[in-house]
Amino acid sequence: MKKNDKIALRQKSTDELQAALRETQQKLAESRVRFSNGALKDSSVFKKLRYQISLITALINQK
């Protein structure tokens, strides 16, 4: 995640962050299914998505 993405997340409202959190969690679930089916070979996606989820959750808690 780039610095500009983090700044953009910090400027969003709580409702927008909630929507982004749901979307990211959905992407993580879809990636897990694709990985188990063998369609996804790169497992680093999981770490990146979990980091995004934790960042969004921290921002929601701060607000």
PDB file of N, CA and C in Angstrom:
ATOM      1  N   MET A   1       0.856  -1.171   0.000  1.00  0.00           N
ATOM      2  CA  MET A   1       0.000   0.000   0.000  1.00  0.00           C
ATOM      3  C   MET A   1       0.898   1.229   0.000  1.00  0.00           C
ATOM      4  N   LYS A   2       0.621   2.122  -0.907  1.00  0.00           N
ATOM      5  CA  LYS A   2       1.450   3.313  -1.047  1.00  0.00           C
ATOM      6  C   LYS A   2       1.010   4.407  -0.084  1.00  0.00           C
ATOM      7  N   LYS A   3       1.891   5.366   0.108  1.00  0.00           N
ATOM      8  CA  LYS A   3       1.626   6.456   1.045  1.00  0.00           C
ATOM      9  C   LYS A   3       0.378   7.237   0.641  1.00  0.00           C
ATOM     10  N   ASN A   4       0.180   7.446  -0.662  1.00  0.00           N
ATOM     11  CA  ASN A   4      -0.992   8.177  -1.135  1.00  0.00           C
ATOM     12  C   ASN A   4      -2.292   7.441  -0.801  1.00  0.00           C
ATOM     13  N   ASP A   5      -2.246   6.107  -0.839  1.00  0.00           N
ATOM     14  CA  ASP A   5      -3.427   5.312  -0.488  1.00  0.00           C
ATOM     15  C   ASP A   5      -3.775   5.469   0.989  1.00  0.00           C
ATOM     16  N   LYS A   6      -2.747   5.519   1.832  1.00  0.00           N
ATOM     17  CA  LYS A   6      -2.984   5.687   3.265  1.00  0.00           C
ATOM     18  C   LYS A   6      -3.572   7.068   3.553  1.00  0.00           C
ATOM     19  N   ILE A   7      -3.047   8.081   2.874  1.00  0.00           N
ATOM     20  CA  ILE A   7      -3.567   9.440   3.069  1.00  0.00           C
ATOM     21  C   ILE A   7      -5.015   9.515   2.622  1.00  0.00           C
ATOM     22  N   ALA A   8      -5.332   8.868   1.509  1.00  0.00           N
ATOM     23  CA  ALA A   8      -6.706   8.865   1.005  1.00  0.00           C
ATOM     24  C   ALA A   8      -7.646   8.167   1.986  1.00  0.00           C
ATOM     25  N   LEU A   9      -7.175   7.098   2.612  1.00  0.00           N
ATOM     26  CA  LEU A   9      -8.008   6.400   3.594  1.00  0.00           C
ATOM     27  C   LEU A   9      -8.269   7.270   4.819  1.00  0.00           C
ATOM     28  N   ARG A  10      -7.255   8.016   5.242  1.00  0.00           N
ATOM     29  CA  ARG A  10      -7.419   8.862   6.422  1.00  0.00           C
ATOM     30  C   ARG A  10      -8.421   9.989   6.189  1.00  0.00           C
ATOM     31  N   GLN A  11      -8.624  10.381   4.946  1.00  0.00           N
ATOM     32  CA  GLN A  11      -9.533  11.472   4.631  1.00  0.00           C
ATOM     33  C   GLN A  11     -10.975  11.008   4.459  1.00  0.00           C
ATOM     34  N   LYS A  12     -11.208   9.704   4.460  1.00  0.00           N
ATOM     35  CA  LYS A  12     -12.563   9.187   4.275  1.00  0.00           C
ATOM     36  C   LYS A  12     -13.357   9.252   5.571  1.00  0.00           C
ATOM     37  N   SER A  13     -14.676   9.278   5.413  1.00  0.00           N
ATOM     38  CA  SER A  13     -15.545   9.285   6.582  1.00  0.00           C
ATOM     39  C   SER A  13     -15.675   7.861   7.125  1.00  0.00           C
ATOM     40  N   THR A  14     -16.316   7.744   8.266  1.00  0.00           N
ATOM     41  CA  THR A  14     -16.472   6.442   8.904  1.00  0.00           C
ATOM     42  C   THR A  14     -17.301   5.492   8.047  1.00  0.00           C
ATOM     43  N   ASP A  15     -18.355   6.005   7.421  1.00  0.00           N
ATOM     44  CA  ASP A  15     -19.193   5.162   6.574  1.00  0.00           C
ATOM     45  C   ASP A  15     -18.409   4.645   5.366  1.00  0.00           C
ATOM     46  N   GLU A  16     -17.595   5.508   4.786  1.00  0.00           N
ATOM     47  CA  GLU A  16     -16.783   5.087   3.649  1.00  0.00           C
ATOM     48  C   GLU A  16     -15.738   4.058   4.071  1.00  0.00           C
ATOM     49  N   LEU A  17     -15.202   4.224   5.270  1.00  0.00           N
ATOM     50  CA  LEU A  17     -14.234   3.252   5.776  1.00  0.00           C
ATOM     51  C   LEU A  17     -14.897   1.905   6.034  1.00  0.00           C
ATOM     52  N   GLN A  18     -16.124   1.933   6.548  1.00  0.00           N
ATOM     53  CA  GLN A  18     -16.864   0.685   6.770  1.00  0.00           C
ATOM     54  C   GLN A  18     -17.073  -0.051   5.450  1.00  0.00           C
ATOM     55  N   ALA A  19     -17.432   0.696   4.400  1.00  0.00           N
ATOM     56  CA  ALA A  19     -17.636   0.089   3.083  1.00  0.00           C
ATOM     57  C   ALA A  19     -16.327  -0.474   2.538  1.00  0.00           C
ATOM     58  N   ALA A  20     -15.238   0.259   2.725  1.00  0.00           N
ATOM     59  CA  ALA A  20     -13.924  -0.217   2.275  1.00  0.00           C
ATOM     60  C   ALA A  20     -13.503  -1.465   3.035  1.00  0.00           C
ATOM     61  N   LEU A  21     -13.837  -1.522   4.319  1.00  0.00           N
ATOM     62  CA  LEU A  21     -13.518  -2.691   5.133  1.00  0.00           C
ATOM     63  C   LEU A  21     -14.263  -3.914   4.632  1.00  0.00           C
ATOM     64  N   ARG A  22     -15.560  -3.770   4.368  1.00  0.00           N
ATOM     65  CA  ARG A  22     -16.341  -4.905   3.849  1.00  0.00           C
ATOM     66  C   ARG A  22     -15.798  -5.377   2.503  1.00  0.00           C
ATOM     67  N   GLU A  23     -15.438  -4.434   1.652  1.00  0.00           N
ATOM     68  CA  GLU A  23     -14.919  -4.775   0.327  1.00  0.00           C
ATOM     69  C   GLU A  23     -13.587  -5.519   0.431  1.00  0.00           C
ATOM     70  N   THR A  24     -12.726  -5.063   1.315  1.00  0.00           N
ATOM     71  CA  THR A  24     -11.419  -5.700   1.485  1.00  0.00           C
ATOM     72  C   THR A  24     -11.568  -7.090   2.095  1.00  0.00           C
ATOM     73  N   GLN A  25     -12.476  -7.246   3.043  1.00  0.00           N
ATOM     74  CA  GLN A  25     -12.717  -8.560   3.632  1.00  0.00           C
ATOM     75  C   GLN A  25     -13.269  -9.525   2.591  1.00  0.00           C
ATOM     76  N   GLN A  26     -14.111  -9.012   1.703  1.00  0.00           N
ATOM     77  CA  GLN A  26     -14.655  -9.843   0.638  1.00  0.00           C
ATOM     78  C   GLN A  26     -13.548 -10.268  -0.329  1.00  0.00           C
ATOM     79  N   LYS A  27     -12.636  -9.357  -0.650  1.00  0.00           N
ATOM     80  CA  LYS A  27     -11.511  -9.690  -1.520  1.00  0.00           C
ATOM     81  C   LYS A  27     -10.641 -10.773  -0.890  1.00  0.00           C
ATOM     82  N   LEU A  28     -10.441 -10.689   0.434  1.00  0.00           N
ATOM     83  CA  LEU A  28      -9.640 -11.677   1.130  1.00  0.00           C
ATOM     84  C   LEU A  28     -10.299 -13.052   1.056  1.00  0.00           C
ATOM     85  N   ALA A  29     -11.600 -13.099   1.273  1.00  0.00           N
ATOM     86  CA  ALA A  29     -12.317 -14.373   1.208  1.00  0.00           C
ATOM     87  C   ALA A  29     -12.261 -14.966  -0.200  1.00  0.00           C
ATOM     88  N   GLU A  30     -12.433 -14.119  -1.205  1.00  0.00           N
ATOM     89  CA  GLU A  30     -12.362 -14.598  -2.590  1.00  0.00           C
ATOM     90  C   GLU A  30     -10.965 -15.091  -2.936  1.00  0.00           C
ATOM     91  N   SER A  31      -9.956 -14.413  -2.425  1.00  0.00           N
ATOM     92  CA  SER A  31      -8.579 -14.831  -2.686  1.00  0.00           C
ATOM     93  C   SER A  31      -8.283 -16.176  -2.040  1.00  0.00           C
ATOM     94  N   ARG A  32      -8.820 -16.404  -0.857  1.00  0.00           N
ATOM     95  CA  ARG A  32      -8.618 -17.694  -0.191  1.00  0.00           C
ATOM     96  C   ARG A  32      -9.247 -18.826  -0.986  1.00  0.00           C
ATOM     97  N   VAL A  33     -10.444 -18.578  -1.536  1.00  0.00           N
ATOM     98  CA  VAL A  33     -11.112 -19.596  -2.342  1.00  0.00           C
ATOM     99  C   VAL A  33     -10.312 -19.866  -3.617  1.00  0.00           C
ATOM    100  N   ARG A  34      -9.865 -18.792  -4.264  1.00  0.00           N
ATOM    101  CA  ARG A  34      -9.087 -18.948  -5.491  1.00  0.00           C
ATOM    102  C   ARG A  34      -7.768 -19.663  -5.228  1.00  0.00           C
ATOM    103  N   PHE A  35      -7.156 -19.404  -4.067  1.00  0.00           N
ATOM    104  CA  PHE A  35      -5.897 -20.062  -3.723  1.00  0.00           C
ATOM    105  C   PHE A  35      -6.113 -21.549  -3.475  1.00  0.00           C
ATOM    106  N   SER A  36      -7.202 -21.894  -2.805  1.00  0.00           N
ATOM    107  CA  SER A  36      -7.478 -23.304  -2.529  1.00  0.00           C
ATOM    108  C   SER A  36      -7.836 -24.066  -3.796  1.00  0.00           C
ATOM    109  N   ASN A  37      -8.413 -23.371  -4.780  1.00  0.00           N
ATOM    110  CA  ASN A  37      -8.735 -24.009  -6.056  1.00  0.00           C
ATOM    111  C   ASN A  37      -7.513 -24.124  -6.962  1.00  0.00           C
ATOM    112  N   GLY A  38      -6.463 -23.420  -6.648  1.00  0.00           N
ATOM    113  CA  GLY A  38      -5.261 -23.459  -7.457  1.00  0.00           C
ATOM    114  C   GLY A  38      -5.215 -22.360  -8.512  1.00  0.00           C
ATOM    115  N   ALA A  39      -6.207 -21.482  -8.530  1.00  0.00           N
ATOM    116  CA  ALA A  39      -6.244 -20.408  -9.518  1.00  0.00           C
ATOM    117  C   ALA A  39      -5.309 -19.261  -9.134  1.00  0.00           C
ATOM    118  N   LEU A  40      -4.955 -19.173  -7.862  1.00  0.00           N
ATOM    119  CA  LEU A  40      -4.095 -18.100  -7.375  1.00  0.00           C
ATOM    120  C   LEU A  40      -2.806 -18.722  -6.853  1.00  0.00           C
ATOM    121  N   LYS A  41      -1.686 -18.302  -7.397  1.00  0.00           N
ATOM    122  CA  LYS A  41      -0.398 -18.868  -6.993  1.00  0.00           C
ATOM    123  C   LYS A  41       0.349 -17.980  -6.005  1.00  0.00           C
ATOM    124  N   ASP A  42       0.074 -16.681  -6.019  1.00  0.00           N
ATOM    125  CA  ASP A  42       0.802 -15.724  -5.195  1.00  0.00           C
ATOM    126  C   ASP A  42       0.141 -15.602  -3.822  1.00  0.00           C
ATOM    127  N   SER A  43       0.789 -16.129  -2.807  1.00  0.00           N
ATOM    128  CA  SER A  43       0.207 -16.105  -1.464  1.00  0.00           C
ATOM    129  C   SER A  43       0.491 -14.809  -0.717  1.00  0.00           C
ATOM    130  N   SER A  44       1.294 -13.911  -1.303  1.00  0.00           N
ATOM    131  CA  SER A  44       1.576 -12.642  -0.629  1.00  0.00           C
ATOM    132  C   SER A  44       0.358 -11.722  -0.622  1.00  0.00           C
ATOM    133  N   VAL A  45      -0.637 -12.047  -1.409  1.00  0.00           N
ATOM    134  CA  VAL A  45      -1.873 -11.264  -1.465  1.00  0.00           C
ATOM    135  C   VAL A  45      -2.550 -11.274  -0.097  1.00  0.00           C
ATOM    136  N   PHE A  46      -2.470 -12.384   0.602  1.00  0.00           N
ATOM    137  CA  PHE A  46      -3.121 -12.499   1.900  1.00  0.00           C
ATOM    138  C   PHE A  46      -2.549 -11.509   2.906  1.00  0.00           C
ATOM    139  N   LYS A  47      -1.230 -11.405   2.936  1.00  0.00           N
ATOM    140  CA  LYS A  47      -0.578 -10.487   3.872  1.00  0.00           C
ATOM    141  C   LYS A  47      -0.953  -9.043   3.561  1.00  0.00           C
ATOM    142  N   LYS A  48      -0.985  -8.689   2.282  1.00  0.00           N
ATOM    143  CA  LYS A  48      -1.325  -7.326   1.882  1.00  0.00           C
ATOM    144  C   LYS A  48      -2.763  -6.982   2.255  1.00  0.00           C
ATOM    145  N   LEU A  49      -3.677  -7.906   2.026  1.00  0.00           N
ATOM    146  CA  LEU A  49      -5.080  -7.649   2.342  1.00  0.00           C
ATOM    147  C   LEU A  49      -5.309  -7.586   3.847  1.00  0.00           C
ATOM    148  N   ARG A  50      -4.634  -8.451   4.604  1.00  0.00           N
ATOM    149  CA  ARG A  50      -4.769  -8.401   6.065  1.00  0.00           C
ATOM    150  C   ARG A  50      -4.226  -7.089   6.614  1.00  0.00           C
ATOM    151  N   TYR A  51      -3.143  -6.575   6.010  1.00  0.00           N
ATOM    152  CA  TYR A  51      -2.592  -5.287   6.420  1.00  0.00           C
ATOM    153  C   TYR A  51      -3.592  -4.166   6.150  1.00  0.00           C
ATOM    154  N   GLN A  52      -4.227  -4.198   4.988  1.00  0.00           N
ATOM    155  CA  GLN A  52      -5.220  -3.184   4.660  1.00  0.00           C
ATOM    156  C   GLN A  52      -6.388  -3.239   5.632  1.00  0.00           C
ATOM    157  N   ILE A  53      -6.833  -4.447   5.966  1.00  0.00           N
ATOM    158  CA  ILE A  53      -7.941  -4.603   6.910  1.00  0.00           C
ATOM    159  C   ILE A  53      -7.567  -4.032   8.268  1.00  0.00           C
ATOM    160  N   SER A  54      -6.358  -4.318   8.735  1.00  0.00           N
ATOM    161  CA  SER A  54      -5.947  -3.809  10.042  1.00  0.00           C
ATOM    162  C   SER A  54      -5.811  -2.291  10.031  1.00  0.00           C
ATOM    163  N   LEU A  55      -5.325  -1.720   8.938  1.00  0.00           N
ATOM    164  CA  LEU A  55      -5.200  -0.271   8.831  1.00  0.00           C
ATOM    165  C   LEU A  55      -6.571   0.396   8.836  1.00  0.00           C
ATOM    166  N   ILE A  56      -7.499  -0.137   8.086  1.00  0.00           N
ATOM    167  CA  ILE A  56      -8.844   0.434   8.031  1.00  0.00           C
ATOM    168  C   ILE A  56      -9.531   0.326   9.390  1.00  0.00           C
ATOM    169  N   THR A  57      -9.357  -0.823  10.044  1.00  0.00           N
ATOM    170  CA  THR A  57      -9.950  -1.006  11.364  1.00  0.00           C
ATOM    171  C   THR A  57      -9.373  -0.026  12.371  1.00  0.00           C
ATOM    172  N   ALA A  58      -8.072   0.214  12.308  1.00  0.00           N
ATOM    173  CA  ALA A  58      -7.442   1.175  13.226  1.00  0.00           C
ATOM    174  C   ALA A  58      -7.972   2.586  12.969  1.00  0.00           C
ATOM    175  N   LEU A  59      -8.150   2.944  11.705  1.00  0.00           N
ATOM    176  CA  LEU A  59      -8.672   4.274  11.382  1.00  0.00           C
ATOM    177  C   LEU A  59     -10.120   4.439  11.875  1.00  0.00           C
ATOM    178  N   ILE A  60     -10.904   3.370  11.756  1.00  0.00           N
ATOM    179  CA  ILE A  60     -12.288   3.435  12.240  1.00  0.00           C
ATOM    180  C   ILE A  60     -12.291   3.627  13.749  1.00  0.00           C
ATOM    181  N   ASN A  61     -11.421   2.913  14.452  1.00  0.00           N
ATOM    182  CA  ASN A  61     -11.360   3.040  15.906  1.00  0.00           C
ATOM    183  C   ASN A  61     -10.865   4.414  16.347  1.00  0.00           C
ATOM    184  N   GLN A  62     -10.004   5.042  15.557  1.00  0.00           N
ATOM    185  CA  GLN A  62      -9.520   6.363  15.898  1.00  0.00           C
ATOM    186  C   GLN A  62     -10.621   7.412  15.775  1.00  0.00           C
ATOM    187  N   LYS A  63     -11.499   7.216  14.788  1.00  0.00           N
ATOM    188  CA  LYS A  63     -12.556   8.190  14.569  1.00  0.00           C
ATOM    189  C   LYS A  63     -13.695   7.902  15.497  1.00  0.00           C
TER     190      LYS A  63
END
